[in-house]
Amino acid sequence: MAISTGGGGADAPMSDINTTPLVDVMLVLLIIFLIAVPVAIQTIEKLRIPVVEAVESKDKVENLLLTVSTTDSGGRTAGEPGYLGASRGGECRIYFNNVTPVTSEELRDQAFKRLDAIVKREGGPQALMSNPELIPQVHIRGDVQAPWRCVAGAIYNVQVSGYPTVGFITNPVDPNG
């Protein structure tokens, strides 16, 4: 019996790569992504902050509370007369401790100063690391109509400021109905 080794001689290595399996795998992945991406985009647009049963919270005073909303279609901010509610196309509005409106830069600065004061009061980073219960968290209450860019911007700014844990506040469900 004879075997063809392709060209060069018995000692020359085969330099051709079989690309057929690679092309087959790439085509299958392309088809999967073409089907999966439109489904993911449709479900993300319909995202709602969940409504859950209320449980008593053991919040620390040091926790930072943020409210994220937007201006309405007329450019009015929450609290102004005639405010119609958050608009998906509105400008982001962040409220420090749920009261004071701040810009992104002010949020970073105030969050850092607040965390720095807490760390110094507790005896430094090592003291907080030895007792993780003392590490303050950020709780974000996001308007259902606030776009993700506003919420993500708030998360980014507080994490840059040093807060390791960010959570979301939801609307409680009335257990009686």
N, C-alpha and C. Protein backbone atom coordinates (compact mmCIF):
# COMPACT_ATOMS: atom_id res chain seq x y z
N MET A 1 0.83 -1.18 0.00
CA MET A 1 0.00 0.00 0.00
C MET A 1 0.87 1.24 0.00
N ALA A 2 0.35 2.25 -0.62
CA ALA A 2 1.10 3.49 -0.67
C ALA A 2 0.28 4.61 -0.05
N ILE A 3 0.97 5.54 0.66
CA ILE A 3 0.30 6.68 1.28
C ILE A 3 0.93 7.94 0.72
N SER A 4 0.08 8.87 0.33
CA SER A 4 0.60 10.14 -0.19
C SER A 4 0.79 11.10 0.98
N THR A 5 1.97 11.68 1.12
CA THR A 5 2.25 12.62 2.20
C THR A 5 2.19 14.06 1.74
N GLY A 6 1.87 14.30 0.52
CA GLY A 6 1.67 15.65 0.03
C GLY A 6 2.95 16.37 -0.33
N GLY A 7 3.44 16.17 -1.44
CA GLY A 7 4.50 17.00 -1.97
C GLY A 7 5.88 16.60 -1.55
N GLY A 8 6.51 17.35 -0.67
CA GLY A 8 7.90 17.35 -0.30
C GLY A 8 8.53 16.00 -0.11
N GLY A 9 8.57 15.25 0.52
CA GLY A 9 9.24 13.99 0.71
C GLY A 9 8.74 13.41 2.00
N ALA A 10 9.27 12.32 2.38
CA ALA A 10 8.82 11.63 3.58
C ALA A 10 9.17 12.40 4.85
N ASP A 11 10.25 13.18 4.83
CA ASP A 11 10.68 13.87 6.04
C ASP A 11 10.13 15.29 6.19
N ALA A 12 9.54 15.87 5.15
CA ALA A 12 9.04 17.25 5.22
C ALA A 12 7.69 17.29 5.94
N PRO A 13 7.53 18.20 6.94
CA PRO A 13 6.25 18.28 7.64
C PRO A 13 5.16 18.85 6.74
N MET A 14 3.93 18.47 7.03
CA MET A 14 2.78 18.98 6.27
C MET A 14 2.50 20.41 6.73
N SER A 15 2.49 21.35 5.81
CA SER A 15 2.33 22.75 6.19
C SER A 15 0.93 23.28 5.94
N ASP A 16 0.02 22.47 5.49
CA ASP A 16 -1.36 22.91 5.23
C ASP A 16 -2.20 22.72 6.48
N ILE A 17 -3.01 23.74 6.81
CA ILE A 17 -3.91 23.67 7.96
C ILE A 17 -5.31 23.40 7.44
N ASN A 18 -5.99 22.46 8.07
CA ASN A 18 -7.35 22.14 7.67
C ASN A 18 -8.28 23.17 8.32
N THR A 19 -8.77 24.12 7.55
CA THR A 19 -9.60 25.20 8.08
C THR A 19 -11.09 24.89 8.07
N THR A 20 -11.49 23.79 7.49
CA THR A 20 -12.92 23.47 7.40
C THR A 20 -13.59 23.39 8.77
N PRO A 21 -13.03 22.69 9.78
CA PRO A 21 -13.70 22.67 11.09
C PRO A 21 -13.79 24.06 11.73
N LEU A 22 -12.74 24.86 11.56
CA LEU A 22 -12.75 26.21 12.11
C LEU A 22 -13.86 27.05 11.49
N VAL A 23 -14.01 26.98 10.19
CA VAL A 23 -15.07 27.72 9.50
C VAL A 23 -16.43 27.22 9.94
N ASP A 24 -16.60 25.92 10.11
CA ASP A 24 -17.88 25.37 10.57
C ASP A 24 -18.25 25.90 11.95
N VAL A 25 -17.30 25.90 12.86
CA VAL A 25 -17.56 26.39 14.22
C VAL A 25 -17.90 27.88 14.19
N MET A 26 -17.19 28.67 13.43
CA MET A 26 -17.45 30.10 13.34
C MET A 26 -18.83 30.38 12.76
N LEU A 27 -19.25 29.63 11.77
CA LEU A 27 -20.59 29.82 11.20
C LEU A 27 -21.68 29.48 12.21
N VAL A 28 -21.48 28.42 12.98
CA VAL A 28 -22.46 28.05 14.00
C VAL A 28 -22.54 29.16 15.06
N LEU A 29 -21.40 29.68 15.52
CA LEU A 29 -21.42 30.76 16.50
C LEU A 29 -22.08 32.02 15.95
N LEU A 30 -21.82 32.33 14.68
CA LEU A 30 -22.45 33.49 14.04
C LEU A 30 -23.97 33.34 14.05
N ILE A 31 -24.46 32.18 13.71
CA ILE A 31 -25.91 31.95 13.69
C ILE A 31 -26.50 32.06 15.10
N ILE A 32 -25.80 31.53 16.09
CA ILE A 32 -26.29 31.62 17.47
C ILE A 32 -26.38 33.07 17.91
N PHE A 33 -25.34 33.88 17.63
CA PHE A 33 -25.37 35.29 18.01
C PHE A 33 -26.42 36.08 17.24
N LEU A 34 -26.64 35.74 16.00
CA LEU A 34 -27.68 36.43 15.22
C LEU A 34 -29.06 36.19 15.80
N ILE A 35 -29.26 35.03 16.39
CA ILE A 35 -30.56 34.72 17.01
C ILE A 35 -30.65 35.29 18.41
N ALA A 36 -29.56 35.23 19.20
CA ALA A 36 -29.61 35.60 20.61
C ALA A 36 -29.61 37.11 20.84
N VAL A 37 -28.92 37.89 20.04
CA VAL A 37 -28.79 39.34 20.29
C VAL A 37 -30.13 40.06 20.22
N PRO A 38 -30.97 39.87 19.21
CA PRO A 38 -32.26 40.58 19.22
C PRO A 38 -33.13 40.23 20.42
N VAL A 39 -33.08 38.99 20.88
CA VAL A 39 -33.87 38.59 22.05
C VAL A 39 -33.36 39.32 23.29
N ALA A 40 -32.04 39.40 23.46
CA ALA A 40 -31.47 40.08 24.62
C ALA A 40 -31.79 41.57 24.61
N ILE A 41 -31.75 42.21 23.45
CA ILE A 41 -32.03 43.63 23.36
C ILE A 41 -33.49 43.91 23.71
N GLN A 42 -34.40 43.07 23.29
CA GLN A 42 -35.82 43.29 23.60
C GLN A 42 -36.08 43.13 25.09
N THR A 43 -35.45 42.16 25.74
CA THR A 43 -35.72 41.96 27.16
C THR A 43 -35.08 43.06 28.01
N ILE A 44 -33.95 43.60 27.60
CA ILE A 44 -33.30 44.66 28.36
C ILE A 44 -34.15 45.93 28.35
N GLU A 45 -34.77 46.25 27.24
CA GLU A 45 -35.59 47.45 27.14
C GLU A 45 -36.78 47.40 28.09
N LYS A 46 -37.28 46.20 28.40
CA LYS A 46 -38.45 46.06 29.25
C LYS A 46 -38.08 45.86 30.72
N LEU A 47 -36.85 46.17 31.08
CA LEU A 47 -36.37 45.98 32.44
C LEU A 47 -37.15 46.86 33.41
N ARG A 48 -37.58 46.27 34.50
CA ARG A 48 -38.27 46.99 35.57
C ARG A 48 -37.57 46.65 36.88
N ILE A 49 -37.50 47.61 37.78
CA ILE A 49 -36.94 47.31 39.10
C ILE A 49 -37.95 46.42 39.82
N PRO A 50 -37.49 45.32 40.40
CA PRO A 50 -38.43 44.35 40.98
C PRO A 50 -39.15 44.89 42.20
N VAL A 51 -40.33 44.38 42.39
CA VAL A 51 -41.12 44.68 43.56
C VAL A 51 -41.05 43.43 44.43
N VAL A 52 -40.54 43.58 45.64
CA VAL A 52 -40.34 42.42 46.51
C VAL A 52 -41.02 42.65 47.85
N GLU A 53 -41.17 41.56 48.58
CA GLU A 53 -41.76 41.65 49.91
C GLU A 53 -40.81 42.38 50.84
N ALA A 54 -41.36 43.28 51.64
CA ALA A 54 -40.54 44.10 52.52
C ALA A 54 -39.99 43.27 53.67
N VAL A 55 -38.70 43.46 53.94
CA VAL A 55 -38.04 42.82 55.07
C VAL A 55 -37.36 43.94 55.84
N GLU A 56 -37.43 43.86 57.17
CA GLU A 56 -36.81 44.91 57.96
C GLU A 56 -35.31 44.97 57.68
N SER A 57 -34.84 46.15 57.36
CA SER A 57 -33.44 46.34 57.01
C SER A 57 -32.64 46.71 58.24
N LYS A 58 -31.40 46.23 58.29
CA LYS A 58 -30.51 46.59 59.38
C LYS A 58 -29.49 47.59 58.84
N ASP A 59 -30.00 48.67 58.26
CA ASP A 59 -29.13 49.69 57.66
C ASP A 59 -28.28 50.37 58.72
N LYS A 60 -27.07 50.66 58.31
CA LYS A 60 -26.18 51.46 59.15
C LYS A 60 -26.38 52.92 58.77
N VAL A 61 -26.15 53.79 59.71
CA VAL A 61 -26.28 55.22 59.44
C VAL A 61 -25.30 55.64 58.36
N GLU A 62 -24.16 54.95 58.27
CA GLU A 62 -23.11 55.32 57.33
C GLU A 62 -23.45 55.00 55.88
N ASN A 63 -24.45 54.17 55.65
CA ASN A 63 -24.79 53.82 54.27
C ASN A 63 -25.19 55.06 53.50
N LEU A 64 -24.72 55.13 52.26
CA LEU A 64 -25.01 56.26 51.39
C LEU A 64 -26.25 55.93 50.57
N LEU A 65 -27.23 56.81 50.61
CA LEU A 65 -28.47 56.60 49.86
C LEU A 65 -28.49 57.55 48.66
N LEU A 66 -28.73 56.99 47.48
CA LEU A 66 -28.81 57.79 46.26
C LEU A 66 -30.15 57.54 45.59
N THR A 67 -30.71 58.60 45.02
CA THR A 67 -31.90 58.47 44.18
C THR A 67 -31.49 58.89 42.78
N VAL A 68 -31.83 58.06 41.79
CA VAL A 68 -31.48 58.33 40.40
C VAL A 68 -32.78 58.51 39.62
N SER A 69 -32.88 59.63 38.94
CA SER A 69 -34.06 59.94 38.14
C SER A 69 -33.61 60.74 36.92
N THR A 70 -34.55 61.27 36.18
CA THR A 70 -34.24 62.14 35.04
C THR A 70 -35.22 63.30 35.03
N THR A 71 -34.92 64.26 34.16
CA THR A 71 -35.87 65.34 33.95
C THR A 71 -37.05 64.81 33.15
N ASP A 72 -38.16 65.53 33.19
CA ASP A 72 -39.30 65.10 32.39
C ASP A 72 -39.15 65.60 30.96
N SER A 73 -40.14 65.38 30.14
CA SER A 73 -40.07 65.76 28.72
C SER A 73 -39.95 67.27 28.55
N GLY A 74 -40.35 68.05 29.54
CA GLY A 74 -40.24 69.50 29.47
C GLY A 74 -38.95 70.03 30.08
N GLY A 75 -38.07 69.15 30.56
CA GLY A 75 -36.81 69.58 31.15
C GLY A 75 -36.91 69.93 32.62
N ARG A 76 -38.07 69.65 33.26
CA ARG A 76 -38.25 69.97 34.67
C ARG A 76 -37.70 68.84 35.55
N THR A 77 -37.18 69.22 36.70
CA THR A 77 -36.62 68.28 37.66
C THR A 77 -37.68 67.95 38.71
N ALA A 78 -37.54 66.77 39.33
CA ALA A 78 -38.47 66.38 40.39
C ALA A 78 -38.49 67.45 41.47
N GLY A 79 -39.67 67.79 41.95
CA GLY A 79 -39.82 68.84 42.95
C GLY A 79 -40.23 70.17 42.35
N GLU A 80 -40.00 70.36 41.06
CA GLU A 80 -40.43 71.60 40.41
C GLU A 80 -41.92 71.50 40.06
N PRO A 81 -42.62 72.63 40.06
CA PRO A 81 -44.04 72.59 39.70
C PRO A 81 -44.21 72.09 38.26
N GLY A 82 -45.19 71.22 38.07
CA GLY A 82 -45.49 70.72 36.75
C GLY A 82 -44.65 69.53 36.32
N TYR A 83 -43.85 68.96 37.21
CA TYR A 83 -43.01 67.81 36.88
C TYR A 83 -43.91 66.63 36.52
N LEU A 84 -43.66 66.03 35.36
CA LEU A 84 -44.52 64.96 34.85
C LEU A 84 -43.95 63.56 35.07
N GLY A 85 -42.82 63.43 35.68
CA GLY A 85 -42.20 62.12 35.89
C GLY A 85 -40.98 61.95 35.00
N ALA A 86 -40.16 61.00 35.36
CA ALA A 86 -38.90 60.76 34.64
C ALA A 86 -39.16 60.39 33.19
N SER A 87 -38.27 60.84 32.33
CA SER A 87 -38.37 60.57 30.90
C SER A 87 -37.12 59.81 30.46
N ARG A 88 -37.29 58.81 29.61
CA ARG A 88 -36.14 58.02 29.13
C ARG A 88 -35.10 58.89 28.42
N GLY A 89 -35.53 59.97 27.79
CA GLY A 89 -34.60 60.84 27.08
C GLY A 89 -34.15 62.03 27.90
N GLY A 90 -34.56 62.09 29.16
CA GLY A 90 -34.22 63.24 30.00
C GLY A 90 -32.79 63.21 30.49
N GLU A 91 -32.39 64.33 31.11
CA GLU A 91 -31.05 64.43 31.69
C GLU A 91 -31.04 63.73 33.05
N CYS A 92 -29.93 63.06 33.35
CA CYS A 92 -29.80 62.32 34.60
C CYS A 92 -29.80 63.27 35.79
N ARG A 93 -30.48 62.86 36.84
CA ARG A 93 -30.50 63.61 38.10
C ARG A 93 -30.19 62.63 39.22
N ILE A 94 -29.16 62.97 40.02
CA ILE A 94 -28.77 62.13 41.15
C ILE A 94 -28.93 62.95 42.42
N TYR A 95 -29.55 62.35 43.43
CA TYR A 95 -29.80 63.03 44.70
C TYR A 95 -29.00 62.32 45.79
N PHE A 96 -28.04 63.04 46.38
CA PHE A 96 -27.17 62.54 47.44
C PHE A 96 -27.97 62.47 48.73
N ASN A 97 -27.97 61.31 49.38
CA ASN A 97 -28.79 61.06 50.58
C ASN A 97 -30.25 61.36 50.32
N ASN A 98 -30.69 61.11 49.10
CA ASN A 98 -32.08 61.25 48.66
C ASN A 98 -32.62 62.67 48.75
N VAL A 99 -31.75 63.67 48.96
CA VAL A 99 -32.22 65.04 49.12
C VAL A 99 -31.47 66.02 48.23
N THR A 100 -30.15 66.02 48.29
CA THR A 100 -29.33 67.04 47.65
C THR A 100 -29.00 66.66 46.20
N PRO A 101 -29.44 67.46 45.22
CA PRO A 101 -29.07 67.14 43.83
C PRO A 101 -27.58 67.41 43.60
N VAL A 102 -26.90 66.48 42.94
CA VAL A 102 -25.47 66.61 42.68
C VAL A 102 -25.15 66.23 41.24
N THR A 103 -24.04 66.79 40.74
CA THR A 103 -23.52 66.38 39.43
C THR A 103 -22.63 65.16 39.65
N SER A 104 -22.15 64.59 38.56
CA SER A 104 -21.27 63.42 38.67
C SER A 104 -20.00 63.74 39.46
N GLU A 105 -19.42 64.90 39.18
CA GLU A 105 -18.19 65.29 39.88
C GLU A 105 -18.46 65.51 41.36
N GLU A 106 -19.56 66.18 41.68
CA GLU A 106 -19.90 66.41 43.08
C GLU A 106 -20.19 65.10 43.79
N LEU A 107 -20.83 64.16 43.10
CA LEU A 107 -21.10 62.85 43.70
C LEU A 107 -19.80 62.15 44.06
N ARG A 108 -18.84 62.14 43.13
CA ARG A 108 -17.54 61.52 43.41
C ARG A 108 -16.87 62.18 44.60
N ASP A 109 -16.83 63.51 44.60
CA ASP A 109 -16.15 64.24 45.69
C ASP A 109 -16.82 64.01 47.03
N GLN A 110 -18.14 64.18 47.08
CA GLN A 110 -18.85 64.04 48.36
C GLN A 110 -18.81 62.60 48.87
N ALA A 111 -18.94 61.63 47.96
CA ALA A 111 -18.90 60.23 48.37
C ALA A 111 -17.51 59.88 48.92
N PHE A 112 -16.46 60.38 48.27
CA PHE A 112 -15.10 60.11 48.75
C PHE A 112 -14.88 60.74 50.12
N LYS A 113 -15.28 61.99 50.29
CA LYS A 113 -15.10 62.67 51.58
C LYS A 113 -15.85 61.94 52.69
N ARG A 114 -17.05 61.50 52.38
CA ARG A 114 -17.86 60.79 53.37
C ARG A 114 -17.20 59.47 53.78
N LEU A 115 -16.75 58.70 52.77
CA LEU A 115 -16.11 57.42 53.05
C LEU A 115 -14.78 57.62 53.78
N ASP A 116 -14.03 58.62 53.39
CA ASP A 116 -12.74 58.90 54.03
C ASP A 116 -12.95 59.24 55.51
N ALA A 117 -13.97 60.03 55.82
CA ALA A 117 -14.26 60.38 57.21
C ALA A 117 -14.64 59.13 58.02
N ILE A 118 -15.41 58.24 57.43
CA ILE A 118 -15.82 57.01 58.13
C ILE A 118 -14.60 56.11 58.37
N VAL A 119 -13.74 55.98 57.36
CA VAL A 119 -12.54 55.14 57.50
C VAL A 119 -11.64 55.70 58.60
N LYS A 120 -11.43 57.01 58.63
CA LYS A 120 -10.59 57.62 59.67
C LYS A 120 -11.20 57.44 61.05
N ARG A 121 -12.51 57.60 61.15
CA ARG A 121 -13.19 57.46 62.44
C ARG A 121 -13.08 56.04 62.99
N GLU A 122 -13.12 55.03 62.09
CA GLU A 122 -13.07 53.63 62.52
C GLU A 122 -11.66 53.13 62.77
N GLY A 123 -10.64 53.95 62.46
CA GLY A 123 -9.27 53.54 62.75
C GLY A 123 -8.47 53.09 61.54
N GLY A 124 -8.92 53.42 60.35
CA GLY A 124 -8.15 53.09 59.15
C GLY A 124 -8.70 51.89 58.39
N PRO A 125 -8.15 51.66 57.21
CA PRO A 125 -8.65 50.57 56.36
C PRO A 125 -8.52 49.18 56.99
N GLN A 126 -7.43 48.94 57.75
CA GLN A 126 -7.24 47.63 58.34
C GLN A 126 -8.32 47.34 59.38
N ALA A 127 -8.73 48.33 60.12
CA ALA A 127 -9.79 48.14 61.11
C ALA A 127 -11.11 47.77 60.43
N LEU A 128 -11.39 48.40 59.30
CA LEU A 128 -12.60 48.06 58.57
C LEU A 128 -12.50 46.68 57.93
N MET A 129 -11.31 46.32 57.45
CA MET A 129 -11.14 45.02 56.82
C MET A 129 -11.30 43.89 57.84
N SER A 130 -10.91 44.15 59.09
CA SER A 130 -11.04 43.12 60.11
C SER A 130 -12.50 42.93 60.54
N ASN A 131 -13.32 43.94 60.33
CA ASN A 131 -14.75 43.83 60.65
C ASN A 131 -15.57 44.35 59.47
N PRO A 132 -15.86 43.50 58.47
CA PRO A 132 -16.56 43.95 57.26
C PRO A 132 -17.95 44.54 57.51
N GLU A 133 -18.53 44.26 58.66
CA GLU A 133 -19.85 44.82 58.97
C GLU A 133 -19.82 46.34 59.08
N LEU A 134 -18.65 46.90 59.35
CA LEU A 134 -18.51 48.35 59.49
C LEU A 134 -18.35 49.07 58.16
N ILE A 135 -18.11 48.33 57.08
CA ILE A 135 -17.89 48.96 55.77
C ILE A 135 -19.23 49.48 55.24
N PRO A 136 -19.32 50.78 54.98
CA PRO A 136 -20.59 51.33 54.49
C PRO A 136 -20.88 50.87 53.05
N GLN A 137 -22.15 50.88 52.73
CA GLN A 137 -22.61 50.48 51.41
C GLN A 137 -23.32 51.65 50.75
N VAL A 138 -23.57 51.50 49.46
CA VAL A 138 -24.36 52.48 48.72
C VAL A 138 -25.67 51.81 48.34
N HIS A 139 -26.77 52.47 48.63
CA HIS A 139 -28.09 51.97 48.25
C HIS A 139 -28.69 52.93 47.23
N ILE A 140 -29.02 52.42 46.07
CA ILE A 140 -29.56 53.24 44.99
C ILE A 140 -31.04 52.95 44.81
N ARG A 141 -31.80 54.02 44.80
CA ARG A 141 -33.23 53.93 44.47
C ARG A 141 -33.36 54.55 43.09
N GLY A 142 -33.60 53.71 42.09
CA GLY A 142 -33.70 54.19 40.72
C GLY A 142 -35.14 54.26 40.25
N ASP A 143 -35.48 55.36 39.61
CA ASP A 143 -36.80 55.50 39.02
C ASP A 143 -36.96 54.45 37.93
N VAL A 144 -38.16 53.90 37.81
CA VAL A 144 -38.41 52.86 36.81
C VAL A 144 -38.14 53.40 35.40
N GLN A 145 -38.39 54.66 35.16
CA GLN A 145 -38.19 55.25 33.83
C GLN A 145 -36.78 55.78 33.61
N ALA A 146 -35.93 55.77 34.65
CA ALA A 146 -34.56 56.28 34.49
C ALA A 146 -33.78 55.32 33.61
N PRO A 147 -33.11 55.84 32.58
CA PRO A 147 -32.33 54.95 31.71
C PRO A 147 -31.12 54.37 32.45
N TRP A 148 -30.66 53.23 31.96
CA TRP A 148 -29.56 52.53 32.60
C TRP A 148 -28.30 53.39 32.65
N ARG A 149 -28.11 54.28 31.67
CA ARG A 149 -26.91 55.12 31.65
C ARG A 149 -26.82 55.97 32.91
N CYS A 150 -27.95 56.40 33.43
CA CYS A 150 -27.95 57.23 34.65
C CYS A 150 -27.57 56.38 35.87
N VAL A 151 -28.15 55.20 35.97
CA VAL A 151 -27.87 54.32 37.10
C VAL A 151 -26.41 53.85 37.04
N ALA A 152 -25.95 53.47 35.84
CA ALA A 152 -24.57 53.00 35.68
C ALA A 152 -23.58 54.11 36.01
N GLY A 153 -23.90 55.34 35.65
CA GLY A 153 -23.03 56.46 35.97
C GLY A 153 -22.91 56.66 37.47
N ALA A 154 -24.02 56.52 38.18
CA ALA A 154 -23.99 56.65 39.64
C ALA A 154 -23.17 55.53 40.26
N ILE A 155 -23.35 54.30 39.76
CA ILE A 155 -22.57 53.17 40.28
C ILE A 155 -21.08 53.41 40.05
N TYR A 156 -20.73 53.83 38.86
CA TYR A 156 -19.32 54.07 38.53
C TYR A 156 -18.72 55.13 39.47
N ASN A 157 -19.43 56.21 39.67
CA ASN A 157 -18.89 57.31 40.48
C ASN A 157 -18.68 56.91 41.94
N VAL A 158 -19.59 56.14 42.51
CA VAL A 158 -19.40 55.75 43.91
C VAL A 158 -18.34 54.67 44.05
N GLN A 159 -18.20 53.81 43.03
CA GLN A 159 -17.13 52.81 43.11
C GLN A 159 -15.76 53.45 42.93
N VAL A 160 -15.66 54.47 42.08
CA VAL A 160 -14.41 55.21 41.95
C VAL A 160 -14.08 55.90 43.27
N SER A 161 -15.10 56.31 44.00
CA SER A 161 -14.89 56.97 45.29
C SER A 161 -14.42 56.00 46.37
N GLY A 162 -14.55 54.70 46.13
CA GLY A 162 -14.04 53.72 47.08
C GLY A 162 -15.07 52.81 47.72
N TYR A 163 -16.35 53.02 47.46
CA TYR A 163 -17.37 52.15 48.05
C TYR A 163 -17.34 50.79 47.36
N PRO A 164 -17.15 49.69 48.12
CA PRO A 164 -17.05 48.38 47.48
C PRO A 164 -18.39 47.72 47.17
N THR A 165 -19.45 48.12 47.88
CA THR A 165 -20.73 47.43 47.72
C THR A 165 -21.81 48.42 47.32
N VAL A 166 -22.51 48.08 46.24
CA VAL A 166 -23.62 48.90 45.75
C VAL A 166 -24.84 47.99 45.63
N GLY A 167 -25.96 48.44 46.20
CA GLY A 167 -27.19 47.67 46.13
C GLY A 167 -28.33 48.55 45.65
N PHE A 168 -29.47 47.92 45.40
CA PHE A 168 -30.65 48.63 44.92
C PHE A 168 -31.79 48.52 45.91
N ILE A 169 -32.53 49.60 46.03
CA ILE A 169 -33.72 49.62 46.87
C ILE A 169 -34.93 49.42 45.95
N THR A 170 -35.81 48.51 46.34
CA THR A 170 -37.00 48.23 45.53
C THR A 170 -38.24 48.70 46.27
N ASN A 171 -39.35 48.66 45.58
CA ASN A 171 -40.62 49.00 46.20
C ASN A 171 -41.18 47.79 46.91
N PRO A 172 -41.58 47.94 48.17
CA PRO A 172 -42.11 46.78 48.88
C PRO A 172 -43.52 46.42 48.40
N VAL A 173 -43.84 45.14 48.54
CA VAL A 173 -45.17 44.65 48.21
C VAL A 173 -45.98 44.64 49.50
N ASP A 174 -47.22 45.09 49.39
CA ASP A 174 -48.10 45.06 50.56
C ASP A 174 -48.51 43.60 50.80
N PRO A 175 -48.13 42.99 51.93
CA PRO A 175 -48.45 41.58 52.15
C PRO A 175 -49.96 41.34 52.29
N ASN A 176 -50.74 42.40 52.54
CA ASN A 176 -52.19 42.23 52.70
C ASN A 176 -52.94 42.41 51.38
N GLY A 177 -52.20 42.59 50.32
CA GLY A 177 -52.94 42.61 49.09
C GLY A 177 -52.71 43.71 48.19
